[in-house]
C-alpha atoms as a PDB file:
ATOM      1  CA  MET A   1       8.259 -23.779  22.730  1.00  0.00           C
ATOM      2  CA  ILE A   2      11.227 -24.932  20.646  1.00  0.00           C
ATOM      3  CA  GLU A   3      12.970 -26.292  23.732  1.00  0.00           C
ATOM      4  CA  ARG A   4       9.850 -28.195  24.753  1.00  0.00           C
ATOM      5  CA  PHE A   5       8.577 -29.538  21.403  1.00  0.00           C
ATOM      6  CA  GLY A   6      11.469 -29.109  18.953  1.00  0.00           C
ATOM      7  CA  TRP A   7      11.579 -26.596  16.136  1.00  0.00           C
ATOM      8  CA  ARG A   8       9.435 -28.577  13.652  1.00  0.00           C
ATOM      9  CA  GLN A   9       6.568 -29.089  16.072  1.00  0.00           C
ATOM     10  CA  ALA A  10       6.834 -25.488  17.316  1.00  0.00           C
ATOM     11  CA  PHE A  11       6.640 -24.295  13.709  1.00  0.00           C
ATOM     12  CA  LEU A  12       3.498 -26.358  13.098  1.00  0.00           C
ATOM     13  CA  ILE A  13       1.887 -24.987  16.258  1.00  0.00           C
ATOM     14  CA  GLU A  14       2.752 -21.431  15.228  1.00  0.00           C
ATOM     15  CA  ALA A  15       1.324 -22.082  11.760  1.00  0.00           C
ATOM     16  CA  ALA A  16      -1.939 -23.419  13.221  1.00  0.00           C
ATOM     17  CA  LEU A  17      -2.581 -20.353  15.389  1.00  0.00           C
ATOM     18  CA  PRO A  18      -3.541 -18.064  12.470  1.00  0.00           C
ATOM     19  CA  MET A  19      -5.919 -20.732  11.199  1.00  0.00           C
ATOM     20  CA  VAL A  20      -7.673 -20.831  14.575  1.00  0.00           C
ATOM     21  CA  LEU A  21      -7.817 -17.034  14.571  1.00  0.00           C
ATOM     22  CA  LEU A  22      -9.264 -17.076  11.051  1.00  0.00           C
ATOM     23  CA  ALA A  23     -12.040 -19.420  12.189  1.00  0.00           C
ATOM     24  CA  VAL A  24     -12.861 -17.073  15.084  1.00  0.00           C
ATOM     25  CA  ILE A  25     -12.875 -14.050  12.781  1.00  0.00           C
ATOM     26  CA  LEU A  26     -15.140 -15.730  10.235  1.00  0.00           C
ATOM     27  CA  THR A  27     -17.513 -16.639  13.049  1.00  0.00           C
ATOM     28  CA  VAL A  28     -17.559 -13.274  14.840  1.00  0.00           C
ATOM     29  CA  VAL A  29     -16.891 -10.510  12.296  1.00  0.00           C
ATOM     30  CA  ARG A  30     -19.747  -9.347  10.105  1.00  0.00           C
ATOM     31  CA  ASN A  31     -19.442  -7.739   6.684  1.00  0.00           C
ATOM     32  CA  SER A  32     -21.791  -4.875   7.294  1.00  0.00           C
ATOM     33  CA  PRO A  33     -23.098  -2.881  10.261  1.00  0.00           C
ATOM     34  CA  ARG A  34     -26.554  -3.815   8.955  1.00  0.00           C
ATOM     35  CA  ASP A  35     -25.742  -7.473   9.829  1.00  0.00           C
ATOM     36  CA  VAL A  36     -25.714  -6.536  13.522  1.00  0.00           C
ATOM     37  CA  GLY A  37     -28.616  -4.079  13.445  1.00  0.00           C
ATOM     38  CA  SER A  38     -26.480  -0.934  13.258  1.00  0.00           C
ATOM     39  CA  VAL A  39     -25.475   1.690  10.690  1.00  0.00           C
ATOM     40  CA  ALA A  40     -22.047   2.745   9.403  1.00  0.00           C
ATOM     41  CA  HIS A  41     -20.210   5.314  11.516  1.00  0.00           C
ATOM     42  CA  GLY A  42     -21.059   8.757  10.176  1.00  0.00           C
ATOM     43  CA  LEU A  43     -24.005   7.611   8.080  1.00  0.00           C
ATOM     44  CA  ASP A  44     -26.793  10.157   8.028  1.00  0.00           C
ATOM     45  CA  LEU A  45     -29.974   8.131   7.550  1.00  0.00           C
ATOM     46  CA  SER A  46     -32.200  11.221   7.542  1.00  0.00           C
ATOM     47  CA  ALA A  47     -30.448  12.596   4.437  1.00  0.00           C
ATOM     48  CA  GLY A  48     -30.409   9.220   2.696  1.00  0.00           C
ATOM     49  CA  ARG A  49     -26.637   9.380   2.118  1.00  0.00           C
ATOM     50  CA  ASP A  50     -24.645   6.271   1.258  1.00  0.00           C
ATOM     51  CA  LEU A  51     -21.026   6.728   2.330  1.00  0.00           C
ATOM     52  CA  ARG A  52     -19.887   3.989  -0.043  1.00  0.00           C
ATOM     53  CA  LEU A  53     -20.791   6.227  -2.975  1.00  0.00           C
ATOM     54  CA  GLU A  54     -18.914   9.256  -1.655  1.00  0.00           C
ATOM     55  CA  GLY A  55     -15.207  10.023  -1.799  1.00  0.00           C
ATOM     56  CA  LEU A  56     -12.505  10.812  -4.308  1.00  0.00           C
ATOM     57  CA  THR A  57     -11.549   9.101  -7.501  1.00  0.00           C
ATOM     58  CA  LEU A  58      -8.002   7.757  -7.707  1.00  0.00           C
ATOM     59  CA  SER A  59      -6.847  10.655  -9.868  1.00  0.00           C
ATOM     60  CA  GLU A  60      -8.334  13.135  -7.363  1.00  0.00           C
ATOM     61  CA  ALA A  61      -6.823  11.327  -4.368  1.00  0.00           C
ATOM     62  CA  VAL A  62      -3.322  11.284  -5.893  1.00  0.00           C
ATOM     63  CA  ARG A  63      -3.401  15.081  -6.046  1.00  0.00           C
ATOM     64  CA  THR A  64      -3.954  15.487  -2.290  1.00  0.00           C
ATOM     65  CA  LYS A  65      -1.318  15.997   0.398  1.00  0.00           C
ATOM     66  CA  THR A  66      -3.095  13.487   2.632  1.00  0.00           C
ATOM     67  CA  PHE A  67      -2.659  10.707   0.082  1.00  0.00           C
ATOM     68  CA  TRP A  68       1.091  11.279  -0.140  1.00  0.00           C
ATOM     69  CA  ALA A  69       1.540  11.795   3.595  1.00  0.00           C
ATOM     70  CA  ILE A  70      -0.230   8.528   4.394  1.00  0.00           C
ATOM     71  CA  GLY A  71       1.556   6.680   1.589  1.00  0.00           C
ATOM     72  CA  LEU A  72       5.040   7.906   2.457  1.00  0.00           C
ATOM     73  CA  SER A  73       4.524   7.446   6.183  1.00  0.00           C
ATOM     74  CA  GLY A  74       3.116   3.968   5.649  1.00  0.00           C
ATOM     75  CA  MET A  75       6.055   2.945   3.493  1.00  0.00           C
ATOM     76  CA  LEU A  76       8.655   4.267   5.930  1.00  0.00           C
ATOM     77  CA  ILE A  77       6.963   2.780   8.999  1.00  0.00           C
ATOM     78  CA  TYR A  78       6.341  -0.581   7.310  1.00  0.00           C
ATOM     79  CA  TYR A  79       9.954  -1.005   6.243  1.00  0.00           C
ATOM     80  CA  SER A  80      11.212   0.197   9.620  1.00  0.00           C
ATOM     81  CA  ILE A  81       9.137  -2.417  11.439  1.00  0.00           C
ATOM     82  CA  LEU A  82      10.118  -5.064   8.903  1.00  0.00           C
ATOM     83  CA  ALA A  83      13.800  -4.300   9.488  1.00  0.00           C
ATOM     84  CA  LEU A  84      13.293  -4.299  13.255  1.00  0.00           C
ATOM     85  CA  TYR A  85      11.522  -7.658  13.239  1.00  0.00           C
ATOM     86  CA  ASN A  86      14.157  -9.166  10.958  1.00  0.00           C
ATOM     87  CA  HIS A  87      17.160  -7.994  12.957  1.00  0.00           C
ATOM     88  CA  LEU A  88      15.969  -7.616  16.551  1.00  0.00           C
ATOM     89  CA  PHE A  89      16.666 -11.198  17.584  1.00  0.00           C
ATOM     90  CA  LEU A  90      20.286 -11.124  16.372  1.00  0.00           C
ATOM     91  CA  TYR A  91      20.789  -7.608  17.733  1.00  0.00           C
ATOM     92  CA  LEU A  92      19.642  -8.747  21.168  1.00  0.00           C
ATOM     93  CA  ARG A  93      21.813 -11.860  20.968  1.00  0.00           C
ATOM     94  CA  GLY A  94      24.749  -9.547  20.247  1.00  0.00           C
ATOM     95  CA  LEU A  95      23.888  -7.575  23.378  1.00  0.00           C
ATOM     96  CA  GLY A  96      24.094 -10.799  25.394  1.00  0.00           C
ATOM     97  CA  PHE A  97      20.422 -11.776  25.591  1.00  0.00           C
ATOM     98  CA  ALA A  98      19.667 -15.497  25.841  1.00  0.00           C
ATOM     99  CA  PRO A  99      17.611 -16.854  22.901  1.00  0.00           C
ATOM    100  CA  VAL A 100      14.486 -17.204  25.040  1.00  0.00           C
ATOM    101  CA  ASN A 101      14.776 -13.578  26.199  1.00  0.00           C
ATOM    102  CA  ALA A 102      15.386 -12.321  22.655  1.00  0.00           C
ATOM    103  CA  GLY A 103      12.288 -14.248  21.558  1.00  0.00           C
ATOM    104  CA  PHE A 104      10.336 -12.711  24.434  1.00  0.00           C
ATOM    105  CA  ALA A 105      11.342  -9.249  23.192  1.00  0.00           C
ATOM    106  CA  LEU A 106       9.878 -10.035  19.762  1.00  0.00           C
ATOM    107  CA  SER A 107       6.664 -11.211  21.421  1.00  0.00           C
ATOM    108  CA  LEU A 108       6.595  -8.053  23.529  1.00  0.00           C
ATOM    109  CA  LEU A 109       6.866  -5.924  20.400  1.00  0.00           C
ATOM    110  CA  GLY A 110       3.896  -7.692  18.822  1.00  0.00           C
ATOM    111  CA  LEU A 111       1.789  -7.647  21.982  1.00  0.00           C
ATOM    112  CA  LEU A 112       2.363  -3.961  22.580  1.00  0.00           C
ATOM    113  CA  GLY A 113       1.690  -3.287  18.893  1.00  0.00           C
ATOM    114  CA  LEU A 114      -1.742  -4.839  19.446  1.00  0.00           C
ATOM    115  CA  THR A 115      -2.176  -2.822  22.643  1.00  0.00           C
ATOM    116  CA  GLY A 116      -1.181   0.332  20.759  1.00  0.00           C
ATOM    117  CA  LYS A 117      -3.867  -0.353  18.149  1.00  0.00           C
ATOM    118  CA  LEU A 118      -6.582  -0.590  20.778  1.00  0.00           C
ATOM    119  CA  VAL A 119      -5.436   2.309  22.968  1.00  0.00           C
ATOM    120  CA  ASN A 120      -4.654   4.756  20.183  1.00  0.00           C
ATOM    121  CA  GLY A 121      -7.794   3.855  18.236  1.00  0.00           C
ATOM    122  CA  ALA A 122      -9.881   4.650  21.316  1.00  0.00           C
ATOM    123  CA  LEU A 123      -7.876   7.818  21.908  1.00  0.00           C
ATOM    124  CA  ALA A 124      -8.408   8.950  18.305  1.00  0.00           C
ATOM    125  CA  ASP A 125     -12.157   8.558  18.817  1.00  0.00           C
ATOM    126  CA  ARG A 126     -11.939  11.175  21.575  1.00  0.00           C
ATOM    127  CA  ILE A 127      -9.368  13.700  20.331  1.00  0.00           C
ATOM    128  CA  ASP A 128      -8.085  14.846  16.936  1.00  0.00           C
ATOM    129  CA  ARG A 129      -6.852  11.748  15.104  1.00  0.00           C
ATOM    130  CA  HIS A 130      -4.161  13.751  13.295  1.00  0.00           C
ATOM    131  CA  LYS A 131      -2.592  14.690  16.632  1.00  0.00           C
ATOM    132  CA  VAL A 132      -2.752  11.073  17.797  1.00  0.00           C
ATOM    133  CA  PHE A 133      -1.121   9.981  14.528  1.00  0.00           C
ATOM    134  CA  LEU A 134       1.703  12.488  14.938  1.00  0.00           C
ATOM    135  CA  GLY A 135       2.069  11.460  18.585  1.00  0.00           C
ATOM    136  CA  CYS A 136       2.412   7.801  17.563  1.00  0.00           C
ATOM    137  CA  GLN A 137       5.162   8.714  15.106  1.00  0.00           C
ATOM    138  CA  VAL A 138       7.018  10.629  17.814  1.00  0.00           C
ATOM    139  CA  ILE A 139       6.556   7.751  20.289  1.00  0.00           C
ATOM    140  CA  MET A 140       7.963   5.274  17.773  1.00  0.00           C
ATOM    141  CA  LEU A 141      10.887   7.586  16.977  1.00  0.00           C
ATOM    142  CA  VAL A 142      11.735   7.912  20.677  1.00  0.00           C
ATOM    143  CA  GLY A 143      11.650   4.133  21.053  1.00  0.00           C
ATOM    144  CA  VAL A 144      13.924   3.580  18.053  1.00  0.00           C
ATOM    145  CA  ALA A 145      16.355   6.234  19.329  1.00  0.00           C
ATOM    146  CA  LEU A 146      16.443   4.507  22.732  1.00  0.00           C
ATOM    147  CA  LEU A 147      17.003   1.124  21.118  1.00  0.00           C
ATOM    148  CA  ALA A 148      19.855   2.470  19.000  1.00  0.00           C
ATOM    149  CA  THR A 149      21.637   4.459  21.705  1.00  0.00           C
ATOM    150  CA  GLN A 150      21.052   2.702  25.007  1.00  0.00           C
ATOM    151  CA  GLY A 151      22.439  -0.510  26.395  1.00  0.00           C
ATOM    152  CA  GLN A 152      20.918  -3.800  27.417  1.00  0.00           C
ATOM    153  CA  ASP A 153      19.070  -2.359  30.419  1.00  0.00           C
ATOM    154  CA  MET A 154      16.818  -0.126  28.251  1.00  0.00           C
ATOM    155  CA  VAL A 155      16.098  -2.555  25.413  1.00  0.00           C
ATOM    156  CA  LEU A 156      12.736  -3.831  26.673  1.00  0.00           C
ATOM    157  CA  VAL A 157      11.596  -0.296  27.493  1.00  0.00           C
ATOM    158  CA  ALA A 158      12.561   0.828  23.980  1.00  0.00           C
ATOM    159  CA  ILE A 159      10.753  -2.134  22.419  1.00  0.00           C
ATOM    160  CA  ALA A 160       7.648  -1.393  24.485  1.00  0.00           C
ATOM    161  CA  ILE A 161       7.665   2.232  23.335  1.00  0.00           C
ATOM    162  CA  ILE A 162       8.168   1.240  19.691  1.00  0.00           C
ATOM    163  CA  GLY A 163       5.305  -1.267  19.885  1.00  0.00           C
ATOM    164  CA  LEU A 164       2.854   1.238  21.342  1.00  0.00           C
ATOM    165  CA  GLY A 165       3.647   3.827  18.677  1.00  0.00           C
ATOM    166  CA  TRP A 166       3.668   1.339  15.806  1.00  0.00           C
ATOM    167  CA  GLY A 167       0.333  -0.208  16.738  1.00  0.00           C
ATOM    168  CA  GLY A 168      -1.354   3.154  16.841  1.00  0.00           C
ATOM    169  CA  LEU A 169      -0.051   4.147  13.433  1.00  0.00           C
ATOM    170  CA  PHE A 170      -1.513   1.180  11.637  1.00  0.00           C
ATOM    171  CA  THR A 171      -4.915   1.733  13.208  1.00  0.00           C
ATOM    172  CA  LEU A 172      -4.899   5.419  12.372  1.00  0.00           C
ATOM    173  CA  TYR A 173      -4.104   4.993   8.665  1.00  0.00           C
ATOM    174  CA  ASN A 174      -7.662   3.754   8.227  1.00  0.00           C
ATOM    175  CA  MET A 175      -9.069   6.689  10.165  1.00  0.00           C
ATOM    176  CA  LEU A 176      -7.078   9.261   8.188  1.00  0.00           C
ATOM    177  CA  ALA A 177      -7.943   7.994   4.711  1.00  0.00           C
END
């Protein structure tokens, strides 16, 4: 896009895309299952339970292993992905990738992150979400190890693996909490 429109125009186009997405989200997404004639997942209408009133207080949550496991994992994964996104382009340039191919690799990471969210979210609906979460961590670790140890021919495979694992993790944090 930079080669076609110049970097300023490409930047403006990239900045407009989230605004378009926001308009779609505000149009399509509803605040409550009641808005679409449904009930919250797990809500037991016969018992009259309101899931919004159930749960732990902050002081109770801080004393659980789950709280610390999710928090520590989230911090480590977030900063790992942040570092990868910040350095991947220059790393690939150092391996001899053309700028357009290095940019494609960044897009691939994001696209497969989205794919990982959808696939692993659906998978966690069918099997134990804790096992899916652990599997996503292992998948991401394998991808990072491949990226760090292999040459140019395995880079896109490693990025694809990282993206699939990373996407699943961020979906599963919500399911584990």
